[in-house]
Structure formats: C-alpha cells, structure tokens
C-alpha cells in the first residue's frame, strides 16, 4: 500500500512540475517570438518556435500522466506518448536544420 501512495505522490509532483514547465516555455516562446519579430531576428523567432514545440511535448507528457492509476490505460498512453514525443523531437531537429 505504501508503494501505491508513493507512486501517487510522485505522479502529483510530476504533474505540478509539468504545469510549471508548460507555463514557463509558453512565456519564453511568446517573449522570444515577439522580440524576434520586433528585432527582425530569425534566431529569436526560431527559439520561440522551439519553445512552442517543447510546450507540445509537455502537453503530451501531462496527458500521459493524467491516468496514472489505471495500469492498462497507463501502458497504452505510455506507448502513444513515446511515439508523439518522438515526433516532436524529430520536428525540433528538422526546425534546427532550417
């Protein structure tokens, strides 16, 4: 029973950290996009887009953690979230090649 409680506590903490990460990256991306547009800096705009891609990845991870208690659903979402995070990482690498 203690292990289950510890897992739930860790999952709640992970969700809080992920909410903070999404908020931080959203703010970072917005500031970078606006500053890049005003300054005419392609680097800042690219950094802003990269931050928004990270927000997408964070959303996928938050979705994955949303049903941590149900083992069968957790395993299915784990597979789907790994696939989706992989797609996000590939899109980030493609963006950086531009």
N, C-alpha and C. Protein backbone atom coordinates (compact mmCIF):
# COMPACT_ATOMS: atom_id res chain seq x y z
N UNK A 1 0.82 -1.20 0.00
CA UNK A 1 0.00 0.00 0.00
C UNK A 1 0.86 1.26 0.00
N UNK A 2 1.96 1.20 0.73
CA UNK A 2 2.84 2.36 0.81
C UNK A 2 3.44 2.70 -0.55
N UNK A 3 3.75 1.68 -1.35
CA UNK A 3 4.32 1.92 -2.68
C UNK A 3 3.30 2.64 -3.56
N UNK A 4 2.03 2.24 -3.48
CA UNK A 4 0.99 2.90 -4.28
C UNK A 4 0.84 4.36 -3.88
N UNK A 5 0.89 4.64 -2.58
CA UNK A 5 0.79 6.03 -2.12
C UNK A 5 1.99 6.84 -2.59
N UNK A 6 3.16 6.24 -2.54
CA UNK A 6 4.35 6.94 -3.00
C UNK A 6 4.26 7.22 -4.50
N UNK A 7 3.77 6.28 -5.26
CA UNK A 7 3.63 6.49 -6.71
C UNK A 7 2.65 7.62 -7.00
N UNK A 8 1.55 7.66 -6.26
CA UNK A 8 0.57 8.73 -6.46
C UNK A 8 1.16 10.08 -6.10
N UNK A 9 1.93 10.13 -5.02
CA UNK A 9 2.55 11.39 -4.61
C UNK A 9 3.56 11.85 -5.66
N UNK A 10 4.32 10.91 -6.18
CA UNK A 10 5.30 11.25 -7.21
C UNK A 10 4.60 11.71 -8.49
N UNK A 11 3.49 11.06 -8.84
CA UNK A 11 2.74 11.45 -10.03
C UNK A 11 2.16 12.86 -9.87
N UNK A 12 1.64 13.18 -8.69
CA UNK A 12 1.11 14.54 -8.44
C UNK A 12 2.23 15.58 -8.55
N UNK A 13 3.38 15.26 -7.99
CA UNK A 13 4.50 16.19 -8.07
C UNK A 13 4.95 16.37 -9.51
N UNK A 14 4.98 15.27 -10.25
CA UNK A 14 5.36 15.34 -11.66
C UNK A 14 4.40 16.21 -12.46
N UNK A 15 3.11 16.11 -12.17
CA UNK A 15 2.11 16.94 -12.86
C UNK A 15 2.33 18.42 -12.55
N UNK A 16 2.60 18.72 -11.28
CA UNK A 16 2.84 20.13 -10.92
C UNK A 16 4.07 20.67 -11.64
N UNK A 17 5.11 19.88 -11.69
CA UNK A 17 6.32 20.31 -12.40
C UNK A 17 6.06 20.49 -13.89
N UNK A 18 5.24 19.62 -14.45
CA UNK A 18 4.93 19.72 -15.88
C UNK A 18 4.08 20.95 -16.17
N UNK A 19 3.14 21.27 -15.29
CA UNK A 19 2.37 22.51 -15.47
C UNK A 19 3.29 23.72 -15.44
N UNK A 20 4.23 23.74 -14.50
CA UNK A 20 5.18 24.84 -14.42
C UNK A 20 6.02 24.92 -15.69
N UNK A 21 6.50 23.77 -16.17
CA UNK A 21 7.32 23.74 -17.38
C UNK A 21 6.55 24.26 -18.59
N UNK A 22 5.30 23.86 -18.72
CA UNK A 22 4.47 24.32 -19.84
C UNK A 22 4.26 25.83 -19.75
N UNK A 23 3.97 26.33 -18.56
CA UNK A 23 3.78 27.78 -18.39
C UNK A 23 5.07 28.54 -18.71
N UNK A 24 6.18 28.05 -18.21
CA UNK A 24 7.47 28.71 -18.45
C UNK A 24 7.81 28.73 -19.94
N UNK A 25 7.68 27.58 -20.59
CA UNK A 25 8.01 27.51 -22.01
C UNK A 25 7.05 28.33 -22.86
N UNK A 26 5.80 28.42 -22.44
CA UNK A 26 4.84 29.25 -23.17
C UNK A 26 5.24 30.72 -23.09
N UNK A 27 5.57 31.17 -21.89
CA UNK A 27 6.01 32.55 -21.72
C UNK A 27 7.31 32.81 -22.49
N UNK A 28 8.25 31.89 -22.37
CA UNK A 28 9.52 32.01 -23.08
C UNK A 28 9.31 32.09 -24.59
N UNK A 29 8.44 31.23 -25.11
CA UNK A 29 8.17 31.23 -26.54
C UNK A 29 7.51 32.50 -27.01
N UNK A 30 6.53 32.98 -26.24
CA UNK A 30 5.83 34.20 -26.60
C UNK A 30 6.78 35.40 -26.61
N UNK A 31 7.60 35.53 -25.57
CA UNK A 31 8.55 36.64 -25.49
C UNK A 31 9.54 36.56 -26.64
N UNK A 32 10.05 35.36 -26.92
CA UNK A 32 11.03 35.21 -28.00
C UNK A 32 10.42 35.52 -29.37
N UNK A 33 9.19 35.08 -29.60
CA UNK A 33 8.55 35.36 -30.89
C UNK A 33 8.30 36.85 -31.08
N UNK A 34 7.79 37.51 -30.04
CA UNK A 34 7.52 38.95 -30.15
C UNK A 34 8.83 39.73 -30.31
N UNK A 35 9.81 39.41 -29.46
CA UNK A 35 11.10 40.11 -29.55
C UNK A 35 11.77 39.85 -30.89
N UNK A 36 11.69 38.62 -31.37
CA UNK A 36 12.29 38.29 -32.66
C UNK A 36 11.60 39.00 -33.81
N UNK A 37 10.29 39.11 -33.75
CA UNK A 37 9.55 39.81 -34.81
C UNK A 37 9.88 41.30 -34.79
N UNK A 38 9.93 41.88 -33.59
CA UNK A 38 10.24 43.31 -33.49
C UNK A 38 11.68 43.62 -33.91
N UNK A 39 12.60 42.73 -33.57
CA UNK A 39 14.01 42.97 -33.87
C UNK A 39 14.41 42.45 -35.25
N UNK A 40 13.52 41.70 -35.88
CA UNK A 40 13.87 41.11 -37.17
C UNK A 40 14.91 40.02 -37.04
N UNK A 41 14.89 39.31 -35.91
CA UNK A 41 15.90 38.28 -35.63
C UNK A 41 15.32 36.89 -35.89
N UNK A 42 15.84 36.24 -36.90
CA UNK A 42 15.39 34.89 -37.22
C UNK A 42 15.77 33.91 -36.12
N UNK A 43 16.88 34.18 -35.42
CA UNK A 43 17.31 33.30 -34.33
C UNK A 43 16.32 33.33 -33.17
N UNK A 44 15.87 34.52 -32.81
CA UNK A 44 14.88 34.63 -31.73
C UNK A 44 13.55 33.99 -32.13
N UNK A 45 13.15 34.19 -33.35
CA UNK A 45 11.90 33.57 -33.82
C UNK A 45 12.04 32.05 -33.78
N UNK A 46 13.17 31.53 -34.22
CA UNK A 46 13.41 30.08 -34.17
C UNK A 46 13.41 29.55 -32.75
N UNK A 47 14.00 30.32 -31.84
CA UNK A 47 14.00 29.93 -30.42
C UNK A 47 12.57 29.91 -29.89
N UNK A 48 11.76 30.89 -30.30
CA UNK A 48 10.36 30.92 -29.87
C UNK A 48 9.58 29.73 -30.39
N UNK A 49 9.81 29.37 -31.64
CA UNK A 49 9.13 28.20 -32.21
C UNK A 49 9.57 26.93 -31.49
N UNK A 50 10.86 26.84 -31.18
CA UNK A 50 11.38 25.69 -30.45
C UNK A 50 10.71 25.59 -29.07
N UNK A 51 10.51 26.71 -28.41
CA UNK A 51 9.84 26.70 -27.11
C UNK A 51 8.40 26.21 -27.24
N UNK A 52 7.72 26.60 -28.30
CA UNK A 52 6.35 26.15 -28.51
C UNK A 52 6.30 24.66 -28.81
N UNK A 53 7.31 24.14 -29.49
CA UNK A 53 7.39 22.70 -29.71
C UNK A 53 7.58 21.98 -28.37
N UNK A 54 8.37 22.55 -27.49
CA UNK A 54 8.55 21.97 -26.16
C UNK A 54 7.25 22.00 -25.36
N UNK A 55 6.43 23.02 -25.56
CA UNK A 55 5.12 23.08 -24.90
C UNK A 55 4.25 21.91 -25.39
N UNK A 56 4.32 21.62 -26.67
CA UNK A 56 3.57 20.49 -27.22
C UNK A 56 4.01 19.19 -26.57
N UNK A 57 5.32 19.01 -26.45
CA UNK A 57 5.85 17.82 -25.80
C UNK A 57 5.40 17.74 -24.35
N UNK A 58 5.42 18.87 -23.66
CA UNK A 58 4.96 18.90 -22.27
C UNK A 58 3.49 18.55 -22.15
N UNK A 59 2.69 18.99 -23.10
CA UNK A 59 1.27 18.64 -23.10
C UNK A 59 1.06 17.15 -23.27
N UNK A 60 1.86 16.54 -24.13
CA UNK A 60 1.77 15.09 -24.33
C UNK A 60 2.14 14.37 -23.03
N UNK A 61 3.19 14.82 -22.37
CA UNK A 61 3.60 14.17 -21.13
C UNK A 61 2.56 14.36 -20.03
N UNK A 62 1.95 15.52 -19.98
CA UNK A 62 0.90 15.76 -18.99
C UNK A 62 -0.30 14.86 -19.27
N UNK A 63 -0.65 14.70 -20.53
CA UNK A 63 -1.73 13.80 -20.92
C UNK A 63 -1.41 12.38 -20.48
N UNK A 64 -0.16 11.98 -20.66
CA UNK A 64 0.26 10.63 -20.28
C UNK A 64 0.13 10.43 -18.76
N UNK A 65 0.45 11.44 -17.99
CA UNK A 65 0.40 11.31 -16.54
C UNK A 65 -1.01 11.44 -15.96
N UNK A 66 -1.97 11.81 -16.78
CA UNK A 66 -3.31 12.10 -16.27
C UNK A 66 -4.08 10.86 -15.81
N UNK A 67 -3.66 9.67 -16.20
CA UNK A 67 -4.37 8.46 -15.77
C UNK A 67 -3.39 7.45 -15.17
N UNK A 68 -2.55 7.89 -14.31
CA UNK A 68 -1.50 7.05 -13.76
C UNK A 68 -2.04 5.87 -12.95
N UNK A 69 -3.22 5.96 -12.38
CA UNK A 69 -3.74 4.90 -11.50
C UNK A 69 -4.15 3.64 -12.26
N UNK A 70 -4.67 3.78 -13.47
CA UNK A 70 -5.14 2.63 -14.25
C UNK A 70 -3.98 2.03 -15.04
N UNK A 71 -3.55 0.83 -14.65
CA UNK A 71 -2.34 0.23 -15.22
C UNK A 71 -2.49 -0.02 -16.73
N UNK A 72 -3.61 -0.57 -17.17
CA UNK A 72 -3.78 -0.87 -18.60
C UNK A 72 -3.79 0.40 -19.44
N UNK A 73 -4.54 1.39 -19.01
CA UNK A 73 -4.56 2.65 -19.75
C UNK A 73 -3.21 3.34 -19.70
N UNK A 74 -2.53 3.21 -18.56
CA UNK A 74 -1.22 3.84 -18.41
C UNK A 74 -0.23 3.27 -19.43
N UNK A 75 -0.24 1.96 -19.61
CA UNK A 75 0.67 1.33 -20.57
C UNK A 75 0.36 1.77 -22.00
N UNK A 76 -0.91 1.84 -22.33
CA UNK A 76 -1.30 2.28 -23.69
C UNK A 76 -0.87 3.72 -23.92
N UNK A 77 -1.16 4.60 -22.95
CA UNK A 77 -0.78 6.00 -23.11
C UNK A 77 0.74 6.17 -23.12
N UNK A 78 1.43 5.32 -22.41
CA UNK A 78 2.90 5.38 -22.42
C UNK A 78 3.42 5.17 -23.84
N UNK A 79 2.88 4.16 -24.52
CA UNK A 79 3.31 3.88 -25.90
C UNK A 79 2.96 5.04 -26.83
N UNK A 80 1.74 5.55 -26.70
CA UNK A 80 1.32 6.65 -27.56
C UNK A 80 2.13 7.92 -27.28
N UNK A 81 2.39 8.18 -26.00
CA UNK A 81 3.14 9.40 -25.67
C UNK A 81 4.59 9.30 -26.13
N UNK A 82 5.18 8.13 -26.06
CA UNK A 82 6.54 7.96 -26.58
C UNK A 82 6.58 8.24 -28.08
N UNK A 83 5.59 7.75 -28.79
CA UNK A 83 5.53 7.99 -30.23
C UNK A 83 5.36 9.49 -30.52
N UNK A 84 4.44 10.13 -29.79
CA UNK A 84 4.19 11.55 -30.03
C UNK A 84 5.38 12.42 -29.64
N UNK A 85 6.02 12.09 -28.52
CA UNK A 85 7.21 12.86 -28.13
C UNK A 85 8.33 12.67 -29.14
N UNK A 86 8.43 11.48 -29.69
CA UNK A 86 9.41 11.24 -30.76
C UNK A 86 9.14 12.12 -31.97
N UNK A 87 7.88 12.26 -32.32
CA UNK A 87 7.53 13.13 -33.44
C UNK A 87 7.89 14.58 -33.16
N UNK A 88 7.66 15.00 -31.91
CA UNK A 88 8.00 16.37 -31.53
C UNK A 88 9.51 16.58 -31.62
N UNK A 89 10.28 15.62 -31.15
CA UNK A 89 11.74 15.75 -31.22
C UNK A 89 12.24 15.77 -32.66
N UNK A 90 11.65 14.96 -33.51
CA UNK A 90 12.04 14.98 -34.93
C UNK A 90 11.70 16.33 -35.55
N UNK A 91 10.54 16.88 -35.21
CA UNK A 91 10.18 18.20 -35.76
C UNK A 91 11.13 19.28 -35.25
N UNK A 92 11.58 19.16 -34.01
CA UNK A 92 12.56 20.11 -33.48
C UNK A 92 13.87 20.01 -34.24
N UNK A 93 14.31 18.79 -34.50
CA UNK A 93 15.58 18.64 -35.23
C UNK A 93 15.45 19.17 -36.66
N UNK A 94 14.30 18.97 -37.27
CA UNK A 94 14.09 19.49 -38.63
C UNK A 94 14.07 21.01 -38.63
N UNK A 95 13.46 21.59 -37.61
CA UNK A 95 13.43 23.06 -37.49
C UNK A 95 14.83 23.60 -37.35
N UNK A 96 15.66 22.94 -36.60
CA UNK A 96 17.02 23.43 -36.37
C UNK A 96 17.90 23.30 -37.60
N UNK A 97 17.50 22.49 -38.56
CA UNK A 97 18.26 22.36 -39.81
C UNK A 97 17.98 23.51 -40.78
N UNK A 98 16.87 24.21 -40.56
CA UNK A 98 16.49 25.29 -41.47
C UNK A 98 17.40 26.46 -41.38
